[in-house]
Structure formats: structure tokens, C-alpha cells
Amino acid sequence: MKKNVEKTQSGVSIKFQGVVQKQNIVKMVENCSTGKCDCMSESTKAKIKGMDVKGKDGDVSLNLDGEVTKQEIEAALAKSKLV
């Protein structure tokens, strides 16, 4: 799976391509928003104002709105068990 993290005007965008199922990204977002994951610190989670998953299996985008940095999100992705 290829992951591309980019800074946007409103936060950070992550593009997942290759062997990726949209439902896994949706599950990751649900776990993050309900506190069932520990891939990022509470202070990082508090910065995220919104999460939006788009696309289809093999080509999924996750947009995070808030004052998060590209580095914070790359670190969280490295710890995630779902991606």
C-alpha cells in the first residue's frame, strides 16, 4: 500500500493507493474518533476538527481538518495497526 500525506489549507490529506480497502480506512477513522486507538496523542486528536473518507477500494482519500501537521499524521500512520 502506498500512502501519500500532504498539507492542505485546512489540515492534512492522506491518499492510500494499491492494496487498500475503503472499509479499513473508515474503521480507522471510527477508532480514532471514538478513542479506540492509540496511534496518536490526545493533543493531536484534539486538533482534528473533522475527518472525511472518499474514494473506492484501491484508491482512498482521507482528509483531516484542523491544525495538525504532516509529521504528526505520518507518525500516527506508522503506529496504526489498520494501514
N, C-alpha and C. Protein backbone atom coordinates (compact mmCIF):
# COMPACT_ATOMS: atom_id res chain seq x y z
N MET A 1 0.85 -1.18 0.00
CA MET A 1 0.00 0.00 0.00
C MET A 1 0.89 1.24 0.00
N LYS A 2 0.53 2.17 -0.84
CA LYS A 2 1.25 3.44 -0.92
C LYS A 2 0.45 4.50 -0.16
N LYS A 3 1.14 5.27 0.71
CA LYS A 3 0.49 6.34 1.48
C LYS A 3 1.18 7.66 1.14
N ASN A 4 0.39 8.65 0.76
CA ASN A 4 0.93 9.96 0.44
C ASN A 4 0.24 10.99 1.33
N VAL A 5 1.02 11.65 2.19
CA VAL A 5 0.49 12.63 3.13
C VAL A 5 0.88 14.02 2.65
N GLU A 6 -0.13 14.90 2.54
CA GLU A 6 0.12 16.27 2.09
C GLU A 6 -0.57 17.27 3.00
N LYS A 7 0.09 18.40 3.22
CA LYS A 7 -0.51 19.51 3.98
C LYS A 7 -1.49 20.23 3.06
N THR A 8 -2.67 20.58 3.59
CA THR A 8 -3.66 21.33 2.83
C THR A 8 -3.94 22.65 3.57
N GLN A 9 -4.76 23.50 2.96
CA GLN A 9 -5.10 24.76 3.62
C GLN A 9 -5.85 24.53 4.92
N SER A 10 -6.66 23.47 4.96
CA SER A 10 -7.49 23.25 6.14
C SER A 10 -7.00 22.13 7.06
N GLY A 11 -5.88 21.48 6.70
CA GLY A 11 -5.39 20.39 7.54
C GLY A 11 -4.39 19.52 6.80
N VAL A 12 -4.73 18.21 6.71
CA VAL A 12 -3.84 17.24 6.06
C VAL A 12 -4.70 16.28 5.24
N SER A 13 -4.17 15.89 4.08
CA SER A 13 -4.83 14.92 3.21
C SER A 13 -3.94 13.70 3.07
N ILE A 14 -4.54 12.50 3.18
CA ILE A 14 -3.79 11.26 3.01
C ILE A 14 -4.43 10.49 1.87
N LYS A 15 -3.61 10.06 0.91
CA LYS A 15 -4.09 9.24 -0.19
C LYS A 15 -3.50 7.84 -0.03
N PHE A 16 -4.38 6.86 0.01
CA PHE A 16 -3.97 5.45 0.11
C PHE A 16 -4.23 4.82 -1.25
N GLN A 17 -3.21 4.19 -1.84
CA GLN A 17 -3.38 3.54 -3.13
C GLN A 17 -2.76 2.16 -3.10
N GLY A 18 -3.30 1.28 -3.94
CA GLY A 18 -2.81 -0.08 -4.01
C GLY A 18 -3.74 -1.00 -3.26
N VAL A 19 -3.16 -1.85 -2.43
CA VAL A 19 -3.94 -2.83 -1.68
C VAL A 19 -4.52 -2.14 -0.44
N VAL A 20 -5.66 -1.47 -0.65
CA VAL A 20 -6.33 -0.77 0.46
C VAL A 20 -7.84 -0.90 0.26
N GLN A 21 -8.53 -1.23 1.34
CA GLN A 21 -9.98 -1.31 1.30
C GLN A 21 -10.56 -0.09 2.00
N LYS A 22 -11.53 0.53 1.36
CA LYS A 22 -12.14 1.73 1.92
C LYS A 22 -12.68 1.46 3.32
N GLN A 23 -13.27 0.27 3.53
CA GLN A 23 -13.84 -0.04 4.85
C GLN A 23 -12.78 -0.03 5.94
N ASN A 24 -11.54 -0.38 5.62
CA ASN A 24 -10.46 -0.34 6.63
C ASN A 24 -10.13 1.10 7.03
N ILE A 25 -10.17 2.02 6.06
CA ILE A 25 -9.90 3.42 6.36
C ILE A 25 -11.05 4.00 7.18
N VAL A 26 -12.29 3.65 6.82
CA VAL A 26 -13.45 4.08 7.59
C VAL A 26 -13.34 3.57 9.03
N LYS A 27 -12.93 2.31 9.20
CA LYS A 27 -12.77 1.71 10.53
C LYS A 27 -11.69 2.46 11.32
N MET A 28 -10.59 2.81 10.65
CA MET A 28 -9.51 3.55 11.30
C MET A 28 -10.03 4.90 11.81
N VAL A 29 -10.82 5.59 10.99
CA VAL A 29 -11.38 6.89 11.37
C VAL A 29 -12.33 6.72 12.55
N GLU A 30 -13.18 5.68 12.51
CA GLU A 30 -14.10 5.42 13.62
C GLU A 30 -13.34 5.16 14.91
N ASN A 31 -12.30 4.35 14.84
CA ASN A 31 -11.50 4.06 16.03
C ASN A 31 -10.85 5.32 16.59
N CYS A 32 -10.37 6.16 15.71
CA CYS A 32 -9.72 7.40 16.13
C CYS A 32 -10.73 8.33 16.80
N SER A 33 -11.89 8.48 16.18
CA SER A 33 -12.86 9.44 16.71
C SER A 33 -13.54 8.96 17.99
N THR A 34 -13.52 7.66 18.24
CA THR A 34 -14.14 7.15 19.46
C THR A 34 -13.10 6.83 20.55
N GLY A 35 -11.82 7.09 20.26
CA GLY A 35 -10.78 6.87 21.25
C GLY A 35 -10.34 5.42 21.38
N LYS A 36 -10.68 4.57 20.40
CA LYS A 36 -10.31 3.15 20.47
C LYS A 36 -8.93 2.85 19.90
N CYS A 37 -8.19 3.89 19.54
CA CYS A 37 -6.84 3.67 19.04
C CYS A 37 -5.87 4.52 19.86
N ASP A 38 -4.62 4.13 19.78
CA ASP A 38 -3.61 4.94 20.47
C ASP A 38 -2.47 5.25 19.52
N CYS A 39 -2.83 5.46 18.23
CA CYS A 39 -1.80 5.75 17.24
C CYS A 39 -1.35 7.21 17.29
N MET A 40 -2.18 8.08 17.89
CA MET A 40 -1.75 9.47 18.03
C MET A 40 -2.08 9.97 19.43
N SER A 41 -1.37 10.99 19.83
CA SER A 41 -1.56 11.54 21.18
C SER A 41 -2.91 12.23 21.30
N GLU A 42 -3.37 12.39 22.52
CA GLU A 42 -4.63 13.09 22.76
C GLU A 42 -4.56 14.53 22.29
N SER A 43 -3.38 15.14 22.40
CA SER A 43 -3.26 16.54 21.96
C SER A 43 -3.39 16.64 20.44
N THR A 44 -2.88 15.64 19.72
CA THR A 44 -3.04 15.63 18.26
C THR A 44 -4.50 15.39 17.89
N LYS A 45 -5.15 14.42 18.56
CA LYS A 45 -6.56 14.14 18.29
C LYS A 45 -7.43 15.38 18.52
N ALA A 46 -7.09 16.16 19.54
CA ALA A 46 -7.87 17.35 19.87
C ALA A 46 -7.78 18.42 18.78
N LYS A 47 -6.71 18.39 18.00
CA LYS A 47 -6.53 19.37 16.92
C LYS A 47 -7.41 19.08 15.71
N ILE A 48 -7.88 17.83 15.57
CA ILE A 48 -8.65 17.43 14.40
C ILE A 48 -10.11 17.81 14.59
N LYS A 49 -10.59 18.63 13.67
CA LYS A 49 -11.97 19.12 13.74
C LYS A 49 -12.93 18.27 12.91
N GLY A 50 -12.40 17.58 11.91
CA GLY A 50 -13.25 16.76 11.06
C GLY A 50 -12.44 15.77 10.24
N MET A 51 -13.08 14.63 9.89
CA MET A 51 -12.44 13.60 9.09
C MET A 51 -13.41 13.18 8.00
N ASP A 52 -12.91 13.05 6.76
CA ASP A 52 -13.76 12.72 5.63
C ASP A 52 -13.05 11.69 4.75
N VAL A 53 -13.71 10.52 4.55
CA VAL A 53 -13.15 9.45 3.72
C VAL A 53 -13.87 9.45 2.38
N LYS A 54 -13.10 9.40 1.29
CA LYS A 54 -13.66 9.37 -0.07
C LYS A 54 -12.92 8.33 -0.90
N GLY A 55 -13.55 7.92 -1.99
CA GLY A 55 -12.88 7.03 -2.93
C GLY A 55 -13.46 5.65 -2.92
N LYS A 56 -12.66 4.71 -3.42
CA LYS A 56 -13.08 3.32 -3.52
C LYS A 56 -11.88 2.43 -3.20
N ASP A 57 -12.14 1.13 -3.04
CA ASP A 57 -11.06 0.18 -2.78
C ASP A 57 -9.94 0.39 -3.80
N GLY A 58 -8.71 0.47 -3.31
CA GLY A 58 -7.56 0.67 -4.18
C GLY A 58 -7.15 2.12 -4.34
N ASP A 59 -8.07 3.04 -4.02
CA ASP A 59 -7.79 4.47 -4.17
C ASP A 59 -8.68 5.24 -3.19
N VAL A 60 -8.19 5.43 -1.97
CA VAL A 60 -8.98 6.04 -0.90
C VAL A 60 -8.27 7.31 -0.41
N SER A 61 -9.06 8.36 -0.18
CA SER A 61 -8.52 9.60 0.36
C SER A 61 -9.13 9.86 1.73
N LEU A 62 -8.31 10.34 2.65
CA LEU A 62 -8.76 10.73 3.98
C LEU A 62 -8.33 12.18 4.19
N ASN A 63 -9.29 13.06 4.38
CA ASN A 63 -9.00 14.46 4.64
C ASN A 63 -9.25 14.77 6.10
N LEU A 64 -8.26 15.35 6.75
CA LEU A 64 -8.35 15.74 8.15
C LEU A 64 -8.36 17.26 8.22
N ASP A 65 -9.38 17.82 8.83
CA ASP A 65 -9.45 19.27 9.02
C ASP A 65 -8.99 19.61 10.42
N GLY A 66 -8.14 20.62 10.54
CA GLY A 66 -7.66 21.05 11.84
C GLY A 66 -6.21 21.48 11.76
N GLU A 67 -5.66 21.85 12.87
CA GLU A 67 -4.30 22.38 12.96
C GLU A 67 -3.27 21.28 13.17
N VAL A 68 -3.40 20.18 12.46
CA VAL A 68 -2.45 19.08 12.57
C VAL A 68 -1.34 19.25 11.54
N THR A 69 -0.18 18.69 11.85
CA THR A 69 0.95 18.78 10.93
C THR A 69 1.09 17.47 10.15
N LYS A 70 1.75 17.56 9.03
CA LYS A 70 2.05 16.39 8.21
C LYS A 70 2.84 15.37 9.03
N GLN A 71 3.78 15.86 9.84
CA GLN A 71 4.63 14.98 10.64
C GLN A 71 3.81 14.22 11.70
N GLU A 72 2.85 14.90 12.33
CA GLU A 72 2.01 14.23 13.33
C GLU A 72 1.22 13.08 12.69
N ILE A 73 0.70 13.32 11.50
CA ILE A 73 -0.11 12.31 10.83
C ILE A 73 0.75 11.17 10.32
N GLU A 74 1.94 11.47 9.80
CA GLU A 74 2.84 10.40 9.36
C GLU A 74 3.24 9.51 10.53
N ALA A 75 3.47 10.10 11.69
CA ALA A 75 3.81 9.32 12.89
C ALA A 75 2.65 8.44 13.31
N ALA A 76 1.42 8.97 13.26
CA ALA A 76 0.24 8.19 13.62
C ALA A 76 0.04 7.03 12.65
N LEU A 77 0.23 7.26 11.36
CA LEU A 77 0.07 6.20 10.36
C LEU A 77 1.10 5.08 10.60
N ALA A 78 2.30 5.46 11.01
CA ALA A 78 3.33 4.47 11.27
C ALA A 78 2.95 3.54 12.42
N LYS A 79 2.16 4.03 13.37
CA LYS A 79 1.74 3.23 14.53
C LYS A 79 0.43 2.49 14.30
N SER A 80 -0.34 2.87 13.29
CA SER A 80 -1.66 2.29 13.07
C SER A 80 -1.57 0.81 12.72
N LYS A 81 -2.46 0.02 13.28
CA LYS A 81 -2.49 -1.41 13.00
C LYS A 81 -3.35 -1.72 11.77
N LEU A 82 -4.15 -0.75 11.31
CA LEU A 82 -5.05 -0.99 10.18
C LEU A 82 -4.46 -0.64 8.82
N VAL A 83 -3.39 0.15 8.80
CA VAL A 83 -2.82 0.51 7.50
C VAL A 83 -1.33 0.20 7.44
